[in-house]
Amino acid sequence: MRSFDLRVITRQNICKQVEISKDTIRNWIKNRNFPKPLTSSGRDPLFNLQEVNE
């Protein structure tokens, strides 16, 4: 069995670190090839940290 290390970041933390709004992230996903959030349960979407950094 192969294991992997998936690191995630919340939309809220992305917004704080880059000083942008939730709407900006939505626009980036739609228009700038920003990674889509992972399928998760909860109000604040999770993103793959490696994809966001790239």
C-alpha atoms as a PDB file:
ATOM      1  CA  MET A   1       0.000   0.000   0.000  1.00  0.00           C
ATOM      2  CA  ARG A   2       1.326   3.398  -0.970  1.00  0.00           C
ATOM      3  CA  SER A   3       1.008   6.328   1.410  1.00  0.00           C
ATOM      4  CA  PHE A   4       1.129   9.994   0.600  1.00  0.00           C
ATOM      5  CA  ASP A   5       1.297  13.247   2.484  1.00  0.00           C
ATOM      6  CA  LEU A   6      -1.462  15.630   1.472  1.00  0.00           C
ATOM      7  CA  ARG A   7      -1.088  19.085   2.942  1.00  0.00           C
ATOM      8  CA  VAL A   8      -4.078  21.375   2.756  1.00  0.00           C
ATOM      9  CA  ILE A   9      -4.824  25.032   3.323  1.00  0.00           C
ATOM     10  CA  THR A  10      -8.181  26.655   3.932  1.00  0.00           C
ATOM     11  CA  ARG A  11      -9.575  29.398   1.750  1.00  0.00           C
ATOM     12  CA  GLN A  12      -9.579  31.658   4.808  1.00  0.00           C
ATOM     13  CA  ASN A  13      -5.832  31.131   5.325  1.00  0.00           C
ATOM     14  CA  ILE A  14      -5.093  31.806   1.649  1.00  0.00           C
ATOM     15  CA  CYS A  15      -7.063  35.049   1.894  1.00  0.00           C
ATOM     16  CA  LYS A  16      -5.165  36.119   5.009  1.00  0.00           C
ATOM     17  CA  GLN A  17      -1.713  35.257   3.670  1.00  0.00           C
ATOM     18  CA  VAL A  18      -2.163  36.934   0.285  1.00  0.00           C
ATOM     19  CA  GLU A  19      -4.534  39.663   1.544  1.00  0.00           C
ATOM     20  CA  ILE A  20      -7.311  38.941  -0.942  1.00  0.00           C
ATOM     21  CA  SER A  21     -11.042  38.295  -0.677  1.00  0.00           C
ATOM     22  CA  LYS A  22     -13.033  35.094  -1.161  1.00  0.00           C
ATOM     23  CA  ASP A  23     -14.428  36.624  -4.344  1.00  0.00           C
ATOM     24  CA  THR A  24     -10.906  37.055  -5.709  1.00  0.00           C
ATOM     25  CA  ILE A  25     -10.207  33.347  -5.209  1.00  0.00           C
ATOM     26  CA  ARG A  26     -13.465  32.475  -6.988  1.00  0.00           C
ATOM     27  CA  ASN A  27     -12.447  34.710  -9.896  1.00  0.00           C
ATOM     28  CA  TRP A  28      -8.958  33.177 -10.020  1.00  0.00           C
ATOM     29  CA  ILE A  29     -10.460  29.671 -10.156  1.00  0.00           C
ATOM     30  CA  LYS A  30     -12.742  30.739 -12.993  1.00  0.00           C
ATOM     31  CA  ASN A  31     -10.344  32.929 -14.993  1.00  0.00           C
ATOM     32  CA  ARG A  32      -6.726  32.242 -13.992  1.00  0.00           C
ATOM     33  CA  ASN A  33      -6.373  28.472 -13.662  1.00  0.00           C
ATOM     34  CA  PHE A  34      -6.171  28.626  -9.843  1.00  0.00           C
ATOM     35  CA  PRO A  35      -6.636  25.120  -8.351  1.00  0.00           C
ATOM     36  CA  LYS A  36     -10.184  24.100  -7.489  1.00  0.00           C
ATOM     37  CA  PRO A  37     -10.922  23.223  -3.862  1.00  0.00           C
ATOM     38  CA  LEU A  38     -10.811  19.624  -2.735  1.00  0.00           C
ATOM     39  CA  THR A  39     -14.058  17.818  -2.101  1.00  0.00           C
ATOM     40  CA  SER A  40     -14.634  18.204   1.610  1.00  0.00           C
ATOM     41  CA  SER A  41     -17.285  18.733   4.188  1.00  0.00           C
ATOM     42  CA  GLY A  42     -17.398  22.029   5.966  1.00  0.00           C
ATOM     43  CA  ARG A  43     -17.969  25.662   5.209  1.00  0.00           C
ATOM     44  CA  ASP A  44     -14.405  26.718   4.380  1.00  0.00           C
ATOM     45  CA  PRO A  45     -13.090  24.903   1.292  1.00  0.00           C
ATOM     46  CA  LEU A  46      -9.743  23.135   1.473  1.00  0.00           C
ATOM     47  CA  PHE A  47      -7.075  23.437  -1.201  1.00  0.00           C
ATOM     48  CA  ASN A  48      -4.049  21.283  -1.947  1.00  0.00           C
ATOM     49  CA  LEU A  49      -1.184  23.395  -0.600  1.00  0.00           C
ATOM     50  CA  GLN A  50       1.319  22.213  -3.234  1.00  0.00           C
ATOM     51  CA  GLU A  51      -1.053  23.171  -6.078  1.00  0.00           C
ATOM     52  CA  VAL A  52      -1.687  26.597  -4.542  1.00  0.00           C
ATOM     53  CA  ASN A  53       2.043  27.245  -4.156  1.00  0.00           C
ATOM     54  CA  GLU A  54       2.682  26.345  -7.782  1.00  0.00           C
END
